[in-house]
C-alpha atoms as a PDB file:
ATOM      1  CA  MET A   1     -48.386 -33.520  10.480  1.00  0.00           C
ATOM      2  CA  ASP A   2     -46.335 -32.160  13.491  1.00  0.00           C
ATOM      3  CA  LYS A   3     -48.471 -31.667  16.709  1.00  0.00           C
ATOM      4  CA  ILE A   4     -48.458 -27.992  18.140  1.00  0.00           C
ATOM      5  CA  LYS A   5     -47.457 -27.925  21.740  1.00  0.00           C
ATOM      6  CA  ARG A   6     -49.717 -25.962  23.933  1.00  0.00           C
ATOM      7  CA  PRO A   7     -48.242 -23.845  26.819  1.00  0.00           C
ATOM      8  CA  THR A   8     -49.629 -26.594  29.248  1.00  0.00           C
ATOM      9  CA  ASP A   9     -47.463 -29.201  27.335  1.00  0.00           C
ATOM     10  CA  LEU A  10     -44.345 -26.970  27.448  1.00  0.00           C
ATOM     11  CA  PHE A  11     -44.865 -26.575  31.060  1.00  0.00           C
ATOM     12  CA  LYS A  12     -45.279 -30.277  31.736  1.00  0.00           C
ATOM     13  CA  SER A  13     -42.189 -31.353  29.424  1.00  0.00           C
ATOM     14  CA  ASP A  14     -38.705 -32.297  31.150  1.00  0.00           C
ATOM     15  CA  LEU A  15     -35.716 -30.051  30.876  1.00  0.00           C
ATOM     16  CA  THR A  16     -32.246 -30.730  29.471  1.00  0.00           C
ATOM     17  CA  VAL A  17     -29.323 -30.295  31.527  1.00  0.00           C
ATOM     18  CA  GLY A  18     -28.492 -27.002  29.544  1.00  0.00           C
ATOM     19  CA  GLU A  19     -32.116 -25.725  30.299  1.00  0.00           C
ATOM     20  CA  VAL A  20     -31.634 -26.215  33.923  1.00  0.00           C
ATOM     21  CA  SER A  21     -28.284 -24.748  33.798  1.00  0.00           C
ATOM     22  CA  LYS A  22     -29.477 -21.550  31.843  1.00  0.00           C
ATOM     23  CA  ARG A  23     -32.774 -21.390  34.364  1.00  0.00           C
ATOM     24  CA  SER A  24     -30.808 -21.988  37.687  1.00  0.00           C
ATOM     25  CA  GLY A  25     -27.645 -20.113  36.863  1.00  0.00           C
ATOM     26  CA  ILE A  26     -25.797 -23.320  37.888  1.00  0.00           C
ATOM     27  CA  ALA A  27     -23.002 -24.567  35.623  1.00  0.00           C
ATOM     28  CA  VAL A  28     -23.604 -28.037  33.938  1.00  0.00           C
ATOM     29  CA  SER A  29     -20.541 -29.405  35.662  1.00  0.00           C
ATOM     30  CA  ALA A  30     -22.210 -28.427  39.160  1.00  0.00           C
ATOM     31  CA  LEU A  31     -25.537 -30.006  38.000  1.00  0.00           C
ATOM     32  CA  HIS A  32     -23.566 -33.274  37.156  1.00  0.00           C
ATOM     33  CA  PHE A  33     -21.638 -33.048  40.458  1.00  0.00           C
ATOM     34  CA  TYR A  34     -24.954 -32.611  42.430  1.00  0.00           C
ATOM     35  CA  GLU A  35     -26.376 -35.737  40.772  1.00  0.00           C
ATOM     36  CA  ALA A  36     -23.430 -37.729  41.407  1.00  0.00           C
ATOM     37  CA  LYS A  37     -23.561 -36.845  45.084  1.00  0.00           C
ATOM     38  CA  GLY A  38     -27.193 -37.821  45.002  1.00  0.00           C
ATOM     39  CA  LEU A  39     -28.703 -34.239  45.374  1.00  0.00           C
ATOM     40  CA  ILE A  40     -30.569 -34.391  42.738  1.00  0.00           C
ATOM     41  CA  GLY A  41     -31.695 -36.969  40.121  1.00  0.00           C
ATOM     42  CA  SER A  42     -32.576 -37.202  36.355  1.00  0.00           C
ATOM     43  CA  HIS A  43     -33.779 -39.864  33.879  1.00  0.00           C
ATOM     44  CA  ARG A  44     -32.554 -40.802  30.509  1.00  0.00           C
ATOM     45  CA  THR A  45     -34.593 -40.610  27.194  1.00  0.00           C
ATOM     46  CA  GLU A  46     -34.613 -43.439  24.569  1.00  0.00           C
ATOM     47  CA  GLY A  47     -31.726 -41.427  23.085  1.00  0.00           C
ATOM     48  CA  ASN A  48     -29.790 -41.770  26.367  1.00  0.00           C
ATOM     49  CA  GLN A  49     -30.093 -37.917  27.064  1.00  0.00           C
ATOM     50  CA  ARG A  50     -30.491 -36.773  30.458  1.00  0.00           C
ATOM     51  CA  ARG A  51     -33.780 -35.113  31.336  1.00  0.00           C
ATOM     52  CA  TYR A  52     -34.815 -33.583  34.672  1.00  0.00           C
ATOM     53  CA  HIS A  53     -38.390 -32.935  36.002  1.00  0.00           C
ATOM     54  CA  ARG A  54     -39.170 -29.388  36.439  1.00  0.00           C
ATOM     55  CA  ASP A  55     -39.233 -29.554  40.153  1.00  0.00           C
ATOM     56  CA  ILE A  56     -35.495 -29.910  39.742  1.00  0.00           C
ATOM     57  CA  LEU A  57     -35.582 -26.310  39.546  1.00  0.00           C
ATOM     58  CA  ARG A  58     -36.667 -25.625  43.131  1.00  0.00           C
ATOM     59  CA  ARG A  59     -34.091 -28.352  44.620  1.00  0.00           C
ATOM     60  CA  VAL A  60     -31.361 -26.561  42.616  1.00  0.00           C
ATOM     61  CA  SER A  61     -32.440 -23.218  44.203  1.00  0.00           C
ATOM     62  CA  LEU A  62     -32.729 -24.652  47.590  1.00  0.00           C
ATOM     63  CA  ILE A  63     -29.029 -26.055  47.440  1.00  0.00           C
ATOM     64  CA  LYS A  64     -27.793 -22.898  46.191  1.00  0.00           C
ATOM     65  CA  VAL A  65     -29.285 -20.966  49.116  1.00  0.00           C
ATOM     66  CA  ALA A  66     -28.295 -23.649  51.651  1.00  0.00           C
ATOM     67  CA  GLN A  67     -24.698 -23.590  50.369  1.00  0.00           C
ATOM     68  CA  TYR A  68     -24.718 -19.722  50.522  1.00  0.00           C
ATOM     69  CA  LEU A  69     -25.586 -20.164  54.082  1.00  0.00           C
ATOM     70  CA  GLY A  70     -22.833 -22.525  54.739  1.00  0.00           C
ATOM     71  CA  VAL A  71     -24.816 -25.664  54.918  1.00  0.00           C
ATOM     72  CA  SER A  72     -22.576 -28.523  53.794  1.00  0.00           C
ATOM     73  CA  LEU A  73     -23.820 -30.818  50.912  1.00  0.00           C
ATOM     74  CA  SER A  74     -24.287 -33.813  53.213  1.00  0.00           C
ATOM     75  CA  GLU A  75     -26.534 -31.787  55.402  1.00  0.00           C
ATOM     76  CA  ILE A  76     -28.287 -30.812  52.496  1.00  0.00           C
ATOM     77  CA  LYS A  77     -28.741 -34.515  51.084  1.00  0.00           C
ATOM     78  CA  ALA A  78     -29.963 -35.516  54.507  1.00  0.00           C
ATOM     79  CA  ALA A  79     -32.754 -32.786  54.368  1.00  0.00           C
ATOM     80  CA  PHE A  80     -33.765 -33.807  51.024  1.00  0.00           C
ATOM     81  CA  LYS A  81     -34.301 -37.356  52.143  1.00  0.00           C
ATOM     82  CA  GLU A  82     -37.258 -36.155  53.894  1.00  0.00           C
ATOM     83  CA  LEU A  83     -38.751 -34.824  50.593  1.00  0.00           C
ATOM     84  CA  PRO A  84     -40.399 -37.387  48.148  1.00  0.00           C
ATOM     85  CA  PRO A  85     -38.541 -37.584  44.893  1.00  0.00           C
ATOM     86  CA  ASP A  86     -39.957 -35.426  41.957  1.00  0.00           C
ATOM     87  CA  HIS A  87     -41.654 -33.144  44.455  1.00  0.00           C
ATOM     88  CA  GLN A  88     -41.344 -29.475  44.587  1.00  0.00           C
ATOM     89  CA  ALA A  89     -40.611 -28.405  48.176  1.00  0.00           C
ATOM     90  CA  THR A  90     -43.348 -26.217  49.851  1.00  0.00           C
ATOM     91  CA  SER A  91     -42.450 -23.029  51.811  1.00  0.00           C
ATOM     92  CA  ILE A  92     -43.682 -25.210  54.879  1.00  0.00           C
ATOM     93  CA  GLU A  93     -41.350 -27.991  53.966  1.00  0.00           C
ATOM     94  CA  TRP A  94     -38.434 -25.492  53.497  1.00  0.00           C
ATOM     95  CA  LYS A  95     -39.196 -23.957  56.731  1.00  0.00           C
ATOM     96  CA  ALA A  96     -39.014 -27.459  58.596  1.00  0.00           C
ATOM     97  CA  MET A  97     -35.773 -28.162  56.478  1.00  0.00           C
ATOM     98  CA  SER A  98     -33.974 -24.704  57.420  1.00  0.00           C
ATOM     99  CA  SER A  99     -35.206 -24.703  60.973  1.00  0.00           C
ATOM    100  CA  LYS A 100     -32.742 -27.636  61.580  1.00  0.00           C
ATOM    101  CA  TRP A 101     -29.688 -25.584  60.255  1.00  0.00           C
ATOM    102  CA  LYS A 102     -30.768 -22.540  62.349  1.00  0.00           C
ATOM    103  CA  LYS A 103     -28.858 -23.491  65.522  1.00  0.00           C
ATOM    104  CA  ARG A 104     -25.713 -24.184  63.673  1.00  0.00           C
ATOM    105  CA  LEU A 105     -25.884 -20.985  61.764  1.00  0.00           C
ATOM    106  CA  ASP A 106     -26.662 -18.939  64.815  1.00  0.00           C
ATOM    107  CA  ASP A 107     -23.325 -20.659  66.336  1.00  0.00           C
ATOM    108  CA  ARG A 108     -21.379 -19.556  63.108  1.00  0.00           C
ATOM    109  CA  ILE A 109     -22.584 -16.213  63.368  1.00  0.00           C
ATOM    110  CA  GLU A 110     -21.656 -15.882  66.840  1.00  0.00           C
ATOM    111  CA  HIS A 111     -18.345 -17.223  65.995  1.00  0.00           C
ATOM    112  CA  LEU A 112     -17.679 -14.709  63.181  1.00  0.00           C
ATOM    113  CA  ILE A 113     -18.716 -11.930  65.349  1.00  0.00           C
ATOM    114  CA  LYS A 114     -15.875 -13.088  68.030  1.00  0.00           C
ATOM    115  CA  LEU A 115     -13.298 -13.205  65.304  1.00  0.00           C
ATOM    116  CA  ARG A 116     -14.231 -10.034  63.989  1.00  0.00           C
ATOM    117  CA  ASP A 117     -13.972  -8.346  67.465  1.00  0.00           C
ATOM    118  CA  GLN A 118     -10.483  -9.905  67.804  1.00  0.00           C
ATOM    119  CA  LEU A 119      -9.009  -9.416  64.601  1.00  0.00           C
ATOM    120  CA  THR A 120      -7.056  -6.347  65.168  1.00  0.00           C
ATOM    121  CA  SER A 121      -5.217  -7.698  68.275  1.00  0.00           C
ATOM    122  CA  CYS A 122      -4.798 -11.275  67.526  1.00  0.00           C
ATOM    123  CA  ILE A 123      -4.988 -13.580  64.645  1.00  0.00           C
ATOM    124  CA  GLY A 124      -6.205 -16.679  66.546  1.00  0.00           C
ATOM    125  CA  CYS A 125      -3.038 -17.180  68.264  1.00  0.00           C
ATOM    126  CA  GLY A 126      -0.376 -19.369  66.309  1.00  0.00           C
ATOM    127  CA  CYS A 127       1.679 -17.178  67.650  1.00  0.00           C
ATOM    128  CA  LEU A 128       2.572 -14.587  65.415  1.00  0.00           C
ATOM    129  CA  SER A 129       2.429 -11.647  67.830  1.00  0.00           C
ATOM    130  CA  LEU A 130       4.573 -12.243  70.904  1.00  0.00           C
ATOM    131  CA  LYS A 131       3.977  -8.742  72.146  1.00  0.00           C
ATOM    132  CA  ASP A 132       0.151  -9.206  72.520  1.00  0.00           C
ATOM    133  CA  CYS A 133      -0.078 -12.838  73.218  1.00  0.00           C
ATOM    134  CA  PRO A 134       1.879 -13.222  76.623  1.00  0.00           C
ATOM    135  CA  LEU A 135      -1.625 -12.236  78.110  1.00  0.00           C
ATOM    136  CA  ARG A 136      -3.677 -14.773  76.203  1.00  0.00           C
ATOM    137  CA  ASN A 137      -0.872 -17.417  75.537  1.00  0.00           C
ATOM    138  CA  PRO A 138       1.650 -17.327  78.409  1.00  0.00           C
ATOM    139  CA  GLN A 139       4.762 -19.085  77.729  1.00  0.00           C
ATOM    140  CA  ASP A 140       3.169 -20.372  74.334  1.00  0.00           C
ATOM    141  CA  GLN A 141       0.849 -22.796  76.300  1.00  0.00           C
ATOM    142  CA  LEU A 142      -1.214 -23.221  73.170  1.00  0.00           C
ATOM    143  CA  ALA A 143       1.681 -24.757  71.391  1.00  0.00           C
ATOM    144  CA  LYS A 144       0.994 -27.911  73.235  1.00  0.00           C
ATOM    145  CA  GLN A 145      -2.396 -28.395  71.369  1.00  0.00           C
ATOM    146  CA  GLY A 146      -0.540 -28.174  67.854  1.00  0.00           C
ATOM    147  CA  SER A 147       0.510 -25.795  65.341  1.00  0.00           C
ATOM    148  CA  GLY A 148      -1.411 -23.086  63.740  1.00  0.00           C
ATOM    149  CA  PRO A 149      -4.371 -20.963  65.181  1.00  0.00           C
ATOM    150  CA  GLN A 150      -5.592 -22.738  68.266  1.00  0.00           C
ATOM    151  CA  LEU A 151      -7.982 -19.961  69.559  1.00  0.00           C
ATOM    152  CA  LEU A 152     -10.225 -20.180  66.576  1.00  0.00           C
ATOM    153  CA  GLU A 153     -12.587 -22.482  67.731  1.00  0.00           C
END
């Protein structure tokens, strides 16, 4: 006779890649990519099917949020190294991880505000507007630094 699964048994069971994809809103191919990059891990069943611990949902959510903030996958991977494997990140651990990215994000915001404020008068000086740029780029001095927009950074 088949054993009936209790709700607690269902909660403890591992997830298939399709279930993780459905629950997280992340494509299966992206989950495979994250695993290849060492951001998440899985184990194999006797039938060689990939299975994930339920805590993977929290890690995938953290990846999604961090990427939305502009944090690189290598930075995310470095932050995850501070967490034990198969462990759901707590709010305290998330706060510690995200605080390391705060300065970088503040700098990015400041840079975007400057870019927004200059958008109508200059495009970063490549130079595509000689009427405006003689004040910011006399005799095309920025050309010595290379082609393309030189004032963006």
